[in-house]
Amino acid sequence: MKKLITLAIALFCAVSLQAKGDLHLFSIENKDGKVTPYTIEQILNKSGLLHVELNSNMIGPFKKQFKETKYKIFTLMTFWSKKHTRDLVNKYPKAGAFTPMGMGIYQAKDEDTLHFSILTAEAQGKILGLKDLSLLKKIEAEVMNVIKANFPKAKHAYSEDSLKTGHNLVTTYETELDEDEDPEDVLDEFQMNLEAGFKPYGFVVPQFMDLNEVLTEDGTKESPYDFYITYSICKLPVIYTVAKSRPEASAFAPCTTMVYKKKDEDKIVVGFPAVYNWMSSALVEDKEAKAVLMKAQTDFESILKDITE
C-alpha cells in the first residue's frame, strides 16, 4: 500500500510539473500606480537586450468606441531581441509571426495589482512548429531576467494548461512570382493591396516593421530574404470583448502579420498566428469572445485570399 501511495504521489507531481500553460503571468503590487506601461518600456529598452516596437494604450480607444471599460490600464506592447531575433528569423522564416512578440499589460479599476502576460518559448515553438527551442529559450531568458531584476517582488505563474485544438496555429498563404518580376515592385503592389483590405474589415495597423533592416543590420550583413516586413494588426472589438473574460490573451495582440520572400524562392509568403491560439493558450471559452475571434479569422483569411489568388 505504501508503495502504491508513493507511486501515486510521484505520478501526481509529474503531471503537475508538465501541466504548465502557454503564458507567463506576472503580478506586481501597484496600488500607488507607479508602475506603468511606459515604465516597463523604459526598463526593456534600457536593458540593452530588447527593443520595444509598440506601446499602445487601449483605454482611450475602448472608451471612444464602447463608452466604458473595467480597466484603468490596458496596453499592448511589442518588442524583439537585439541579440537573437536576427538568428531566429534567418533560421526559421515563420518566426516572423512573433517578431515583434507581444506583451499584454493590464490592471482593473477595482484592483491594486498590475498584470502582464507573455508567451512561453514552448508555446511559441508549438505554434511555429519548431522542435529546436534554443533561440526562443534565449529570448525568453532575456525577458524573464530583465523582469525579475527590475521587479524582484513580482509574482510569477503559468496560465492554466492550454485547450486542445486541431486547427493550424499559423495561417499562411502563398503567391507565385514570375521569373522576370522585380521583388521590390511586387512588394509595393502587394503592400498596397494588403493595406487596402484592412479598413473595410475594421483592422487597423498601429505598427509596421521592416524586419529586413534588422536581419541585414542596416545593410551591413546578408539576409536570406529579398524582403521581410511585419504588420502589427488590431481589431478593437476583438481585444475589447476577449479582455472581459481573458485579459491575458492580450499577449497575442496586436497580431503580427508577416510578409516575406526568400531569395531562393519565387513566391511571397504571408501569414499570421491564427485566433485558435487565443482560444487554446488563453482558454477563451466565452461565446461572445469566440464569435468575434472567429469573425476576425475569416475576415483576415478573406483579405489574404484576395491578394494571393
C-alpha atoms as a PDB file:
ATOM      1  CA  MET A   1       0.000   0.000   0.000  1.00  0.00           C
ATOM      2  CA  LYS A   2       2.836   2.376   0.893  1.00  0.00           C
ATOM      3  CA  LYS A   3       4.453   1.767  -2.495  1.00  0.00           C
ATOM      4  CA  LEU A   4       1.169   2.467  -4.264  1.00  0.00           C
ATOM      5  CA  ILE A   5       0.715   5.736  -2.373  1.00  0.00           C
ATOM      6  CA  THR A   6       4.291   6.771  -3.157  1.00  0.00           C
ATOM      7  CA  LEU A   7       3.757   5.940  -6.831  1.00  0.00           C
ATOM      8  CA  ALA A   8       0.513   7.911  -6.890  1.00  0.00           C
ATOM      9  CA  ILE A   9       2.254  10.944  -5.361  1.00  0.00           C
ATOM     10  CA  ALA A  10       5.094  10.655  -7.862  1.00  0.00           C
ATOM     11  CA  LEU A  11       2.670  10.481 -10.776  1.00  0.00           C
ATOM     12  CA  PHE A  12       0.721  13.469  -9.443  1.00  0.00           C
ATOM     13  CA  CYS A  13       3.919  15.503  -9.131  1.00  0.00           C
ATOM     14  CA  ALA A  14       4.972  14.555 -12.662  1.00  0.00           C
ATOM     15  CA  VAL A  15       1.610  15.638 -14.062  1.00  0.00           C
ATOM     16  CA  SER A  16       1.769  18.895 -12.083  1.00  0.00           C
ATOM     17  CA  LEU A  17       5.202  19.683 -13.444  1.00  0.00           C
ATOM     18  CA  GLN A  18       4.076  19.049 -17.021  1.00  0.00           C
ATOM     19  CA  ALA A  19       0.762  20.889 -16.735  1.00  0.00           C
ATOM     20  CA  LYS A  20       2.050  24.397 -17.210  1.00  0.00           C
ATOM     21  CA  GLY A  21       0.227  26.595 -19.631  1.00  0.00           C
ATOM     22  CA  ASP A  22       1.356  28.664 -22.604  1.00  0.00           C
ATOM     23  CA  LEU A  23       1.610  32.037 -20.867  1.00  0.00           C
ATOM     24  CA  HIS A  24       3.940  33.575 -18.321  1.00  0.00           C
ATOM     25  CA  LEU A  25       1.774  35.628 -15.955  1.00  0.00           C
ATOM     26  CA  PHE A  26       3.333  38.324 -13.774  1.00  0.00           C
ATOM     27  CA  SER A  27       1.600  40.244 -10.991  1.00  0.00           C
ATOM     28  CA  ILE A  28       3.061  43.387  -9.397  1.00  0.00           C
ATOM     29  CA  GLU A  29       1.710  45.322  -6.434  1.00  0.00           C
ATOM     30  CA  ASN A  30       0.766  48.690  -7.912  1.00  0.00           C
ATOM     31  CA  LYS A  31      -1.589  50.416  -5.506  1.00  0.00           C
ATOM     32  CA  ASP A  32       0.282  53.705  -5.917  1.00  0.00           C
ATOM     33  CA  GLY A  33       0.230  53.406  -9.721  1.00  0.00           C
ATOM     34  CA  LYS A  34       3.972  53.983 -10.023  1.00  0.00           C
ATOM     35  CA  VAL A  35       4.462  51.075 -12.416  1.00  0.00           C
ATOM     36  CA  THR A  36       3.116  51.995 -15.831  1.00  0.00           C
ATOM     37  CA  PRO A  37       3.463  50.612 -19.369  1.00  0.00           C
ATOM     38  CA  TYR A  38       5.880  53.484 -20.023  1.00  0.00           C
ATOM     39  CA  THR A  39       7.951  52.329 -17.028  1.00  0.00           C
ATOM     40  CA  ILE A  40       8.062  48.824 -18.470  1.00  0.00           C
ATOM     41  CA  GLU A  41       9.039  50.156 -21.912  1.00  0.00           C
ATOM     42  CA  GLN A  42      11.946  52.086 -20.392  1.00  0.00           C
ATOM     43  CA  ILE A  43      13.103  49.020 -18.477  1.00  0.00           C
ATOM     44  CA  LEU A  44      13.050  46.770 -21.548  1.00  0.00           C
ATOM     45  CA  ASN A  45      14.862  49.318 -23.708  1.00  0.00           C
ATOM     46  CA  LYS A  46      17.455  50.225 -21.071  1.00  0.00           C
ATOM     47  CA  SER A  47      18.353  46.560 -20.652  1.00  0.00           C
ATOM     48  CA  GLY A  48      20.245  46.801 -23.937  1.00  0.00           C
ATOM     49  CA  LEU A  49      18.878  43.366 -24.825  1.00  0.00           C
ATOM     50  CA  LEU A  50      15.394  44.199 -26.047  1.00  0.00           C
ATOM     51  CA  HIS A  51      13.795  46.848 -28.231  1.00  0.00           C
ATOM     52  CA  VAL A  52      10.195  47.952 -27.727  1.00  0.00           C
ATOM     53  CA  GLU A  53       8.493  48.435 -31.072  1.00  0.00           C
ATOM     54  CA  LEU A  54       4.978  49.380 -29.915  1.00  0.00           C
ATOM     55  CA  ASN A  55       3.434  50.671 -26.692  1.00  0.00           C
ATOM     56  CA  SER A  56      -0.264  51.125 -27.397  1.00  0.00           C
ATOM     57  CA  ASN A  57      -2.619  52.382 -24.659  1.00  0.00           C
ATOM     58  CA  MET A  58      -6.059  50.896 -25.360  1.00  0.00           C
ATOM     59  CA  ILE A  59      -8.068  52.740 -22.688  1.00  0.00           C
ATOM     60  CA  GLY A  60      -8.824  55.724 -24.957  1.00  0.00           C
ATOM     61  CA  PRO A  61      -9.959  53.570 -27.906  1.00  0.00           C
ATOM     62  CA  PHE A  62     -12.046  51.381 -25.576  1.00  0.00           C
ATOM     63  CA  LYS A  63     -13.868  54.404 -24.134  1.00  0.00           C
ATOM     64  CA  LYS A  64     -14.293  56.057 -27.522  1.00  0.00           C
ATOM     65  CA  GLN A  65     -15.828  53.043 -29.245  1.00  0.00           C
ATOM     66  CA  PHE A  66     -17.512  51.202 -26.360  1.00  0.00           C
ATOM     67  CA  LYS A  67     -18.095  54.085 -23.888  1.00  0.00           C
ATOM     68  CA  GLU A  68     -16.700  52.092 -20.968  1.00  0.00           C
ATOM     69  CA  THR A  69     -14.007  49.719 -19.752  1.00  0.00           C
ATOM     70  CA  LYS A  70     -13.356  47.927 -16.487  1.00  0.00           C
ATOM     71  CA  TYR A  71      -9.621  48.613 -16.785  1.00  0.00           C
ATOM     72  CA  LYS A  72      -7.555  51.612 -15.724  1.00  0.00           C
ATOM     73  CA  ILE A  73      -4.564  50.165 -17.580  1.00  0.00           C
ATOM     74  CA  PHE A  74      -4.772  48.064 -20.715  1.00  0.00           C
ATOM     75  CA  THR A  75      -1.785  48.279 -23.017  1.00  0.00           C
ATOM     76  CA  LEU A  76      -0.492  46.212 -25.925  1.00  0.00           C
ATOM     77  CA  MET A  77       3.294  46.163 -26.159  1.00  0.00           C
ATOM     78  CA  THR A  78       5.568  44.519 -28.724  1.00  0.00           C
ATOM     79  CA  PHE A  79       9.329  44.002 -28.612  1.00  0.00           C
ATOM     80  CA  TRP A  80      12.167  41.970 -30.083  1.00  0.00           C
ATOM     81  CA  SER A  81      15.615  40.733 -29.084  1.00  0.00           C
ATOM     82  CA  LYS A  82      18.582  42.719 -30.318  1.00  0.00           C
ATOM     83  CA  LYS A  83      20.855  39.707 -29.932  1.00  0.00           C
ATOM     84  CA  HIS A  84      18.796  36.729 -31.071  1.00  0.00           C
ATOM     85  CA  THR A  85      15.984  37.893 -33.370  1.00  0.00           C
ATOM     86  CA  ARG A  86      18.237  38.009 -36.426  1.00  0.00           C
ATOM     87  CA  ASP A  87      19.436  34.413 -35.962  1.00  0.00           C
ATOM     88  CA  LEU A  88      15.916  33.206 -35.197  1.00  0.00           C
ATOM     89  CA  VAL A  89      14.230  34.633 -38.299  1.00  0.00           C
ATOM     90  CA  ASN A  90      17.155  33.797 -40.579  1.00  0.00           C
ATOM     91  CA  LYS A  91      16.862  30.166 -39.475  1.00  0.00           C
ATOM     92  CA  TYR A  92      13.076  29.894 -39.232  1.00  0.00           C
ATOM     93  CA  PRO A  93      11.066  32.049 -41.683  1.00  0.00           C
ATOM     94  CA  LYS A  94       7.783  31.585 -39.793  1.00  0.00           C
ATOM     95  CA  ALA A  95       9.346  33.077 -36.659  1.00  0.00           C
ATOM     96  CA  GLY A  96       8.409  36.468 -38.075  1.00  0.00           C
ATOM     97  CA  ALA A  97       4.922  35.696 -36.774  1.00  0.00           C
ATOM     98  CA  PHE A  98       6.352  36.560 -33.351  1.00  0.00           C
ATOM     99  CA  THR A  99       8.684  39.346 -34.432  1.00  0.00           C
ATOM    100  CA  PRO A 100       7.918  41.501 -32.673  1.00  0.00           C
ATOM    101  CA  MET A 101       6.394  39.402 -29.905  1.00  0.00           C
ATOM    102  CA  GLY A 102       3.666  40.685 -27.641  1.00  0.00           C
ATOM    103  CA  MET A 103       3.147  41.548 -24.000  1.00  0.00           C
ATOM    104  CA  GLY A 104      -0.263  42.339 -22.561  1.00  0.00           C
ATOM    105  CA  ILE A 105      -0.285  44.802 -19.631  1.00  0.00           C
ATOM    106  CA  TYR A 106      -3.477  45.328 -17.646  1.00  0.00           C
ATOM    107  CA  GLN A 107      -4.933  46.435 -14.314  1.00  0.00           C
ATOM    108  CA  ALA A 108      -8.635  46.591 -13.473  1.00  0.00           C
ATOM    109  CA  LYS A 109     -10.142  49.658 -11.808  1.00  0.00           C
ATOM    110  CA  ASP A 110     -11.031  47.693  -8.683  1.00  0.00           C
ATOM    111  CA  GLU A 111      -7.630  46.097  -8.051  1.00  0.00           C
ATOM    112  CA  ASP A 112      -4.214  47.186  -6.788  1.00  0.00           C
ATOM    113  CA  THR A 113      -2.242  44.717  -8.877  1.00  0.00           C
ATOM    114  CA  LEU A 114      -0.739  45.251 -12.328  1.00  0.00           C
ATOM    115  CA  HIS A 115      -0.507  42.172 -14.535  1.00  0.00           C
ATOM    116  CA  PHE A 116       1.334  41.321 -17.696  1.00  0.00           C
ATOM    117  CA  SER A 117       1.352  38.228 -19.868  1.00  0.00           C
ATOM    118  CA  ILE A 118       3.922  36.843 -22.309  1.00  0.00           C
ATOM    119  CA  LEU A 119       4.009  33.651 -24.367  1.00  0.00           C
ATOM    120  CA  THR A 120       6.418  30.949 -23.199  1.00  0.00           C
ATOM    121  CA  ALA A 121       9.165  29.699 -25.508  1.00  0.00           C
ATOM    122  CA  GLU A 122       7.443  26.307 -25.595  1.00  0.00           C
ATOM    123  CA  ALA A 123       4.176  27.884 -26.714  1.00  0.00           C
ATOM    124  CA  GLN A 124       5.880  29.850 -29.485  1.00  0.00           C
ATOM    125  CA  GLY A 125       7.685  26.710 -30.608  1.00  0.00           C
ATOM    126  CA  LYS A 126       4.429  24.757 -30.630  1.00  0.00           C
ATOM    127  CA  ILE A 127       2.663  27.426 -32.677  1.00  0.00           C
ATOM    128  CA  LEU A 128       5.534  27.776 -35.149  1.00  0.00           C
ATOM    129  CA  GLY A 129       6.080  24.023 -35.383  1.00  0.00           C
ATOM    130  CA  LEU A 130       9.685  24.188 -34.164  1.00  0.00           C
ATOM    131  CA  LYS A 131      11.446  21.328 -32.394  1.00  0.00           C
ATOM    132  CA  ASP A 132      14.613  23.262 -31.599  1.00  0.00           C
ATOM    133  CA  LEU A 133      13.673  25.857 -28.992  1.00  0.00           C
ATOM    134  CA  SER A 134      17.199  27.016 -28.179  1.00  0.00           C
ATOM    135  CA  LEU A 135      16.885  30.515 -29.697  1.00  0.00           C
ATOM    136  CA  LEU A 136      13.367  31.004 -28.370  1.00  0.00           C
ATOM    137  CA  LYS A 137      14.640  29.938 -24.950  1.00  0.00           C
ATOM    138  CA  LYS A 138      17.431  32.521 -25.116  1.00  0.00           C
ATOM    139  CA  ILE A 139      14.949  35.308 -25.898  1.00  0.00           C
ATOM    140  CA  GLU A 140      12.653  34.062 -23.135  1.00  0.00           C
ATOM    141  CA  ALA A 141      15.565  34.086 -20.668  1.00  0.00           C
ATOM    142  CA  GLU A 142      16.395  37.686 -21.593  1.00  0.00           C
ATOM    143  CA  VAL A 143      12.838  38.805 -20.947  1.00  0.00           C
ATOM    144  CA  MET A 144      12.494  36.857 -17.706  1.00  0.00           C
ATOM    145  CA  ASN A 145      15.828  38.107 -16.364  1.00  0.00           C
ATOM    146  CA  VAL A 146      15.007  41.745 -17.124  1.00  0.00           C
ATOM    147  CA  ILE A 147      11.622  41.462 -15.432  1.00  0.00           C
ATOM    148  CA  LYS A 148      12.974  39.678 -12.359  1.00  0.00           C
ATOM    149  CA  ALA A 149      15.889  42.108 -11.987  1.00  0.00           C
ATOM    150  CA  ASN A 150      13.633  45.156 -12.093  1.00  0.00           C
ATOM    151  CA  PHE A 151      10.602  43.713 -10.315  1.00  0.00           C
ATOM    152  CA  PRO A 152      12.085  41.342  -7.705  1.00  0.00           C
ATOM    153  CA  LYS A 153       8.793  41.184  -5.784  1.00  0.00           C
ATOM    154  CA  ALA A 154       6.726  40.318  -8.844  1.00  0.00           C
ATOM    155  CA  LYS A 155       4.781  37.089  -8.555  1.00  0.00           C
ATOM    156  CA  HIS A 156       5.229  34.699 -11.456  1.00  0.00           C
ATOM    157  CA  ALA A 157       2.862  31.933 -12.501  1.00  0.00           C
ATOM    158  CA  TYR A 158       1.904  30.000 -15.599  1.00  0.00           C
ATOM    159  CA  SER A 159      -1.527  30.066 -17.159  1.00  0.00           C
ATOM    160  CA  GLU A 160      -3.728  27.007 -16.981  1.00  0.00           C
ATOM    161  CA  ASP A 161      -2.898  24.122 -19.274  1.00  0.00           C
ATOM    162  CA  SER A 162      -3.942  25.029 -22.805  1.00  0.00           C
ATOM    163  CA  LEU A 163      -7.036  23.667 -24.512  1.00  0.00           C
ATOM    164  CA  LYS A 164      -6.539  21.157 -27.303  1.00  0.00           C
ATOM    165  CA  THR A 165      -7.076  22.300 -30.870  1.00  0.00           C
ATOM    166  CA  GLY A 166      -6.949  20.516 -34.201  1.00  0.00           C
ATOM    167  CA  HIS A 167      -6.502  23.690 -36.250  1.00  0.00           C
ATOM    168  CA  ASN A 168      -3.334  25.007 -37.891  1.00  0.00           C
ATOM    169  CA  LEU A 169      -1.855  27.523 -35.466  1.00  0.00           C
ATOM    170  CA  VAL A 170      -0.256  29.728 -38.134  1.00  0.00           C
ATOM    171  CA  THR A 171      -2.407  30.678 -41.138  1.00  0.00           C
ATOM    172  CA  THR A 172      -0.319  31.159 -44.291  1.00  0.00           C
ATOM    173  CA  TYR A 173      -0.958  31.900 -47.952  1.00  0.00           C
ATOM    174  CA  GLU A 174       1.445  31.984 -50.883  1.00  0.00           C
ATOM    175  CA  THR A 175       1.520  33.665 -54.271  1.00  0.00           C
ATOM    176  CA  GLU A 176       3.861  32.629 -57.074  1.00  0.00           C
ATOM    177  CA  LEU A 177       6.068  35.163 -58.897  1.00  0.00           C
ATOM    178  CA  ASP A 178       7.221  35.224 -62.494  1.00  0.00           C
ATOM    179  CA  GLU A 179      10.965  34.982 -63.045  1.00  0.00           C
ATOM    180  CA  ASP A 180      11.171  38.440 -64.628  1.00  0.00           C
ATOM    181  CA  GLU A 181       9.294  40.259 -61.856  1.00  0.00           C
ATOM    182  CA  ASP A 182      11.253  42.664 -59.673  1.00  0.00           C
ATOM    183  CA  PRO A 183      10.816  41.767 -55.969  1.00  0.00           C
ATOM    184  CA  GLU A 184      10.603  45.399 -54.836  1.00  0.00           C
ATOM    185  CA  ASP A 185       7.932  46.237 -57.403  1.00  0.00           C
ATOM    186  CA  VAL A 186       5.984  43.153 -56.411  1.00  0.00           C
ATOM    187  CA  LEU A 187       6.253  44.107 -52.733  1.00  0.00           C
ATOM    188  CA  ASP A 188       4.939  47.621 -53.385  1.00  0.00           C
ATOM    189  CA  GLU A 189       1.853  46.271 -55.144  1.00  0.00           C
ATOM    190  CA  PHE A 190       1.369  43.527 -52.565  1.00  0.00           C
ATOM    191  CA  GLN A 191       1.527  46.009 -49.677  1.00  0.00           C
ATOM    192  CA  MET A 192      -0.877  48.374 -51.414  1.00  0.00           C
ATOM    193  CA  ASN A 193      -3.439  45.586 -51.896  1.00  0.00           C
ATOM    194  CA  LEU A 194      -2.946  44.239 -48.378  1.00  0.00           C
ATOM    195  CA  GLU A 195      -3.324  47.613 -46.694  1.00  0.00           C
ATOM    196  CA  ALA A 196      -6.357  48.438 -48.831  1.00  0.00           C
ATOM    197  CA  GLY A 197      -8.020  45.317 -47.493  1.00  0.00           C
ATOM    198  CA  PHE A 198      -7.620  46.182 -43.811  1.00  0.00           C
ATOM    199  CA  LYS A 199     -10.006  49.098 -43.377  1.00  0.00           C
ATOM    200  CA  PRO A 200     -13.213  47.598 -44.839  1.00  0.00           C
ATOM    201  CA  TYR A 201     -12.958  44.770 -42.319  1.00  0.00           C
ATOM    202  CA  GLY A 202     -12.176  47.030 -39.372  1.00  0.00           C
ATOM    203  CA  PHE A 203      -8.485  46.155 -38.975  1.00  0.00           C
ATOM    204  CA  VAL A 204      -6.002  48.851 -38.012  1.00  0.00           C
ATOM    205  CA  VAL A 205      -2.202  48.833 -38.216  1.00  0.00           C
ATOM    206  CA  PRO A 206      -0.624  50.518 -35.175  1.00  0.00           C
ATOM    207  CA  GLN A 207       2.873  49.461 -36.206  1.00  0.00           C
ATOM    208  CA  PHE A 208       4.811  48.462 -39.317  1.00  0.00           C
ATOM    209  CA  MET A 209       8.302  46.951 -39.208  1.00  0.00           C
ATOM    210  CA  ASP A 210      10.850  46.420 -41.978  1.00  0.00           C
ATOM    211  CA  LEU A 211      12.329  43.288 -40.465  1.00  0.00           C
ATOM    212  CA  ASN A 212      14.945  43.021 -43.198  1.00  0.00           C
ATOM    213  CA  GLU A 213      16.645  46.099 -41.718  1.00  0.00           C
ATOM    214  CA  VAL A 214      17.190  44.060 -38.561  1.00  0.00           C
ATOM    215  CA  LEU A 215      18.258  40.972 -40.499  1.00  0.00           C
ATOM    216  CA  THR A 216      20.809  42.909 -42.564  1.00  0.00           C
ATOM    217  CA  GLU A 217      21.804  45.063 -39.572  1.00  0.00           C
ATOM    218  CA  ASP A 218      21.053  48.165 -41.662  1.00  0.00           C
ATOM    219  CA  GLY A 219      22.707  46.807 -44.790  1.00  0.00           C
ATOM    220  CA  THR A 220      25.937  45.558 -43.253  1.00  0.00           C
ATOM    221  CA  LYS A 221      25.118  41.841 -43.465  1.00  0.00           C
ATOM    222  CA  GLU A 222      23.447  39.463 -45.879  1.00  0.00           C
ATOM    223  CA  SER A 223      19.824  38.413 -45.453  1.00  0.00           C
ATOM    224  CA  PRO A 224      18.280  35.265 -46.943  1.00  0.00           C
ATOM    225  CA  TYR A 225      15.250  37.390 -47.884  1.00  0.00           C
ATOM    226  CA  ASP A 226      14.640  39.858 -50.699  1.00  0.00           C
ATOM    227  CA  PHE A 227      12.223  41.459 -48.265  1.00  0.00           C
ATOM    228  CA  TYR A 228      10.662  40.702 -44.911  1.00  0.00           C
ATOM    229  CA  ILE A 229       8.091  43.004 -43.354  1.00  0.00           C
ATOM    230  CA  THR A 230       5.699  42.597 -40.451  1.00  0.00           C
ATOM    231  CA  TYR A 231       2.492  44.406 -39.594  1.00  0.00           C
ATOM    232  CA  SER A 232       1.031  44.672 -36.111  1.00  0.00           C
ATOM    233  CA  ILE A 233      -2.698  44.216 -36.728  1.00  0.00           C
ATOM    234  CA  CYS A 234      -5.518  45.116 -34.322  1.00  0.00           C
ATOM    235  CA  LYS A 235      -9.276  44.775 -34.402  1.00  0.00           C
ATOM    236  CA  LEU A 236     -10.686  46.687 -31.461  1.00  0.00           C
ATOM    237  CA  PRO A 237     -13.907  44.684 -30.885  1.00  0.00           C
ATOM    238  CA  VAL A 238     -11.798  41.518 -30.622  1.00  0.00           C
ATOM    239  CA  ILE A 239      -9.436  42.867 -27.968  1.00  0.00           C
ATOM    240  CA  TYR A 240     -12.212  44.588 -26.012  1.00  0.00           C
ATOM    241  CA  THR A 241     -14.525  41.561 -25.993  1.00  0.00           C
ATOM    242  CA  VAL A 242     -11.867  38.957 -25.163  1.00  0.00           C
ATOM    243  CA  ALA A 243     -10.426  41.197 -22.408  1.00  0.00           C
ATOM    244  CA  LYS A 244     -13.695  40.988 -20.479  1.00  0.00           C
ATOM    245  CA  SER A 245     -13.003  37.364 -19.550  1.00  0.00           C
ATOM    246  CA  ARG A 246      -9.410  36.639 -20.590  1.00  0.00           C
ATOM    247  CA  PRO A 247      -7.199  39.750 -20.454  1.00  0.00           C
ATOM    248  CA  GLU A 248      -4.084  37.550 -20.543  1.00  0.00           C
ATOM    249  CA  ALA A 249      -4.908  36.795 -24.192  1.00  0.00           C
ATOM    250  CA  SER A 250      -3.534  40.287 -24.909  1.00  0.00           C
ATOM    251  CA  ALA A 251      -0.139  38.569 -25.225  1.00  0.00           C
ATOM    252  CA  PHE A 252      -1.374  37.720 -28.748  1.00  0.00           C
ATOM    253  CA  ALA A 253      -2.398  41.296 -29.549  1.00  0.00           C
ATOM    254  CA  PRO A 254      -1.678  43.028 -31.761  1.00  0.00           C
ATOM    255  CA  CYS A 255      -1.354  40.081 -34.094  1.00  0.00           C
ATOM    256  CA  THR A 256       1.874  40.111 -36.096  1.00  0.00           C
ATOM    257  CA  THR A 257       1.352  39.518 -39.815  1.00  0.00           C
ATOM    258  CA  MET A 258       4.479  38.506 -41.743  1.00  0.00           C
ATOM    259  CA  VAL A 259       5.168  39.088 -45.427  1.00  0.00           C
ATOM    260  CA  TYR A 260       8.402  37.743 -46.895  1.00  0.00           C
ATOM    261  CA  LYS A 261      10.159  36.460 -49.985  1.00  0.00           C
ATOM    262  CA  LYS A 262      13.224  34.259 -49.699  1.00  0.00           C
ATOM    263  CA  LYS A 263      15.950  34.913 -52.263  1.00  0.00           C
ATOM    264  CA  ASP A 264      15.991  31.280 -53.387  1.00  0.00           C
ATOM    265  CA  GLU A 265      12.218  31.058 -53.864  1.00  0.00           C
ATOM    266  CA  ASP A 266       9.835  32.529 -56.446  1.00  0.00           C
ATOM    267  CA  LYS A 267       6.956  33.130 -54.078  1.00  0.00           C
ATOM    268  CA  ILE A 268       5.682  35.550 -51.457  1.00  0.00           C
ATOM    269  CA  VAL A 269       4.515  34.095 -48.152  1.00  0.00           C
ATOM    270  CA  VAL A 270       2.060  35.946 -45.938  1.00  0.00           C
ATOM    271  CA  GLY A 271       0.750  34.652 -42.643  1.00  0.00           C
ATOM    272  CA  PHE A 272      -0.268  35.271 -39.045  1.00  0.00           C
ATOM    273  CA  PRO A 273      -0.849  33.337 -35.797  1.00  0.00           C
ATOM    274  CA  ALA A 274      -4.420  32.072 -36.039  1.00  0.00           C
ATOM    275  CA  VAL A 275      -7.069  33.047 -33.488  1.00  0.00           C
ATOM    276  CA  TYR A 276      -7.210  29.397 -32.427  1.00  0.00           C
ATOM    277  CA  ASN A 277      -4.140  30.249 -30.350  1.00  0.00           C
ATOM    278  CA  TRP A 278      -6.159  32.755 -28.340  1.00  0.00           C
ATOM    279  CA  MET A 279      -8.799  30.117 -27.632  1.00  0.00           C
ATOM    280  CA  SER A 280      -6.290  27.382 -26.858  1.00  0.00           C
ATOM    281  CA  SER A 281      -3.497  29.164 -24.987  1.00  0.00           C
ATOM    282  CA  ALA A 282      -5.658  31.700 -23.125  1.00  0.00           C
ATOM    283  CA  LEU A 283      -8.600  29.316 -22.665  1.00  0.00           C
ATOM    284  CA  VAL A 284     -11.081  31.630 -24.354  1.00  0.00           C
ATOM    285  CA  GLU A 285     -14.399  29.837 -23.980  1.00  0.00           C
ATOM    286  CA  ASP A 286     -16.817  32.761 -23.671  1.00  0.00           C
ATOM    287  CA  LYS A 287     -19.363  32.539 -26.508  1.00  0.00           C
ATOM    288  CA  GLU A 288     -19.201  36.220 -27.469  1.00  0.00           C
ATOM    289  CA  ALA A 289     -15.400  36.277 -27.378  1.00  0.00           C
ATOM    290  CA  LYS A 290     -15.128  33.167 -29.551  1.00  0.00           C
ATOM    291  CA  ALA A 291     -17.571  34.671 -32.050  1.00  0.00           C
ATOM    292  CA  VAL A 292     -15.548  37.876 -32.556  1.00  0.00           C
ATOM    293  CA  LEU A 293     -12.333  35.864 -32.800  1.00  0.00           C
ATOM    294  CA  MET A 294     -13.720  33.571 -35.476  1.00  0.00           C
ATOM    295  CA  LYS A 295     -15.069  36.534 -37.433  1.00  0.00           C
ATOM    296  CA  ALA A 296     -11.622  38.132 -37.331  1.00  0.00           C
ATOM    297  CA  GLN A 297     -10.070  34.875 -38.564  1.00  0.00           C
ATOM    298  CA  THR A 298     -12.447  34.524 -41.508  1.00  0.00           C
ATOM    299  CA  ASP A 299     -12.219  38.228 -42.376  1.00  0.00           C
ATOM    300  CA  PHE A 300      -8.441  38.187 -42.417  1.00  0.00           C
ATOM    301  CA  GLU A 301      -8.373  34.991 -44.422  1.00  0.00           C
ATOM    302  CA  SER A 302     -10.622  36.724 -46.982  1.00  0.00           C
ATOM    303  CA  ILE A 303      -8.132  39.580 -47.306  1.00  0.00           C
ATOM    304  CA  LEU A 304      -5.184  37.221 -47.799  1.00  0.00           C
ATOM    305  CA  LYS A 305      -7.042  35.024 -50.273  1.00  0.00           C
ATOM    306  CA  ASP A 306      -7.962  38.054 -52.378  1.00  0.00           C
ATOM    307  CA  ILE A 307      -4.355  39.220 -52.709  1.00  0.00           C
ATOM    308  CA  THR A 308      -2.741  35.827 -53.234  1.00  0.00           C
ATOM    309  CA  GLU A 309      -5.123  34.150 -55.650  1.00  0.00           C
END
